[in-house]
Amino acid sequence: MKKPPETIDEALALVRRFIAQTTDAPPTDGEIARALSRYFVLNEIRGHVVLEREETRRTRKDGEGVP
């Protein structure tokens, strides 16, 4: 698997490619905006951010990645 996107622009490009490949038509800006605004998507993003923050804190607490 490729490295995950690091920027919003890279993530949106990934979304555009995925939708185009799976539906045979590129998404519009409005379609992406409406999809990203749905409660389910917002909640999934929130959950991912919280999990990533917890993992980062745990890693720092355990001393991993500290020279």
Protein backbone atom coordinates (compact mmCIF):
# COMPACT_ATOMS: atom_id res chain seq x y z
CA MET A 1 0.00 0.00 0.00
CA LYS A 2 1.15 3.50 -0.75
CA LYS A 3 2.07 5.97 1.95
CA PRO A 4 -1.07 7.72 3.28
CA PRO A 5 -1.63 11.32 2.21
CA GLU A 6 0.01 13.95 4.41
CA THR A 7 -1.90 17.01 3.18
CA ILE A 8 -5.51 17.93 2.55
CA ASP A 9 -4.72 18.37 -1.16
CA GLU A 10 -3.23 14.86 -1.37
CA ALA A 11 -6.22 13.39 0.49
CA LEU A 12 -8.71 15.12 -1.81
CA ALA A 13 -6.80 13.92 -4.85
CA LEU A 14 -7.05 10.37 -3.46
CA VAL A 15 -10.81 10.79 -2.97
CA ARG A 16 -11.19 12.11 -6.52
CA ARG A 17 -9.23 9.20 -8.01
CA PHE A 18 -11.11 6.61 -5.95
CA ILE A 19 -14.54 7.96 -6.93
CA ALA A 20 -13.55 8.26 -10.58
CA GLN A 21 -12.20 4.69 -10.62
CA THR A 22 -15.16 3.16 -8.81
CA THR A 23 -17.98 5.06 -10.53
CA ASP A 24 -16.48 5.75 -13.97
CA ALA A 25 -17.05 9.49 -13.45
CA PRO A 26 -15.08 12.08 -11.50
CA PRO A 27 -16.85 13.65 -8.51
CA THR A 28 -17.77 17.32 -8.42
CA ASP A 29 -16.52 19.63 -5.69
CA GLY A 30 -20.09 19.80 -4.38
CA GLU A 31 -20.39 16.02 -4.16
CA ILE A 32 -17.18 15.78 -2.18
CA ALA A 33 -18.16 18.70 0.07
CA ARG A 34 -21.57 17.19 0.83
CA ALA A 35 -20.05 13.77 1.51
CA LEU A 36 -17.44 15.21 3.87
CA SER A 37 -20.14 17.16 5.72
CA ARG A 38 -22.24 14.11 6.61
CA TYR A 39 -22.37 13.27 10.31
CA PHE A 40 -21.18 9.70 9.73
CA VAL A 41 -18.09 10.87 7.83
CA LEU A 42 -17.35 13.60 10.38
CA ASN A 43 -17.66 11.08 13.20
CA GLU A 44 -15.34 8.63 11.41
CA ILE A 45 -12.75 11.37 10.89
CA ARG A 46 -13.03 12.43 14.54
CA GLY A 47 -12.57 8.85 15.68
CA HIS A 48 -9.50 8.41 13.49
CA VAL A 49 -7.92 11.65 14.74
CA VAL A 50 -8.55 10.71 18.39
CA LEU A 51 -7.07 7.23 17.85
CA GLU A 52 -4.02 8.63 16.08
CA ARG A 53 -3.44 11.15 18.89
CA GLU A 54 -3.74 8.42 21.52
CA GLU A 55 -1.25 6.23 19.65
CA THR A 56 1.18 9.15 19.40
CA ARG A 57 0.88 9.88 23.14
CA ARG A 58 1.32 6.18 23.97
CA THR A 59 4.40 5.94 21.77
CA ARG A 60 5.96 9.02 23.40
CA LYS A 61 5.07 7.79 26.88
CA ASP A 62 6.68 4.40 26.20
CA GLY A 63 9.83 6.16 25.04
CA GLU A 64 9.65 4.85 21.50
CA GLY A 65 11.17 7.08 18.91
CA VAL A 66 13.20 8.94 21.54
CA PRO A 67 16.95 8.84 20.87
